[in-house]
Amino acid sequence: MALLMIGRASRILGGMNRKPSQSLKGLRQFLDPGQQELWLEGRAELPDAGERQDSIEQRIRYAPRFQKLLRRLQAPDLFGILELYGRTCLPIPRATERYYWSVSCLPSTSDKPLVRINASWMELFTLYADGDDLRARFIVHLSDFTTDGSLAPERVDRAFLERSVRAPEDLGYSFPRGSDIFIVKIRGSASIRDFLAVPRALRAVRRFNLTHMNRGRNAYQASHSYSVADYMLGEGAP
């Protein structure tokens, strides 16, 4: 994967330390459209912030939930998948943590997820317990998973989706309300990892994440779990 030129990298790192422009919102404060496109296509490694903005109060607030999550049988697989997701699916995750994306630990919603990643007002990715294993829900653009790039549900490329997981029975999907929205449901840690290793699927996840990280500040900042994010950013305890 090609690295960005030094001059461009310097502009990005400089942008992380200056006051955000009032005329720009979301990721555009840090990355111009060209830089975002290079990352989307896997043709650039973006230099990230060296240090994270942490909050001891926020960590303490969600410490009981995090300790409960650690005791789950699925914890090792869950943290491994979160590390993969944080490393491959979020641009400059350190610089944008909490304020442009967040991860919730055991959120109190009726579907009882283990963790949920959000940006702006949108859910991006959720992991659930499935017996001793995991199942995932990815929210993506429908047009990335149709045979002709259209928004027609009947054009969904099921053959491609089934090839992206270990077994066809690991796959499910649905069509929620909204333009160009598609939900991909995957059972099993191995199939979740396989899906994220497929270039077309990874690009689709990245594109949806860029869409919503560009829409402005994250609405779920108050529920961010820094302890879970440690694992997403490669800083979790082994």
Foldseek 3Di string as FASTA:
>chain_A
DDEDDPVVLVQLQVLLPDDFDPVFFFCCSRDPPVRLVCLLQVNYQHDADPAADDDPVLQVVCVVLVVVLVPALANVLVLVLLQVCLRQQDHRCRSPELWAKFKFAQDPDPVRFRIWMDGAADTAKTWHDDPSFIKMKGKFFQLLQFPNSDQDPVRGPLVVVQVQFDHSVQWDWDDDDDHRIIIIMGDGSRRSVSNCVDSSSSSRSNVRSSVRSRPHTHPCSSRHHVQSVCSNNVNHDD
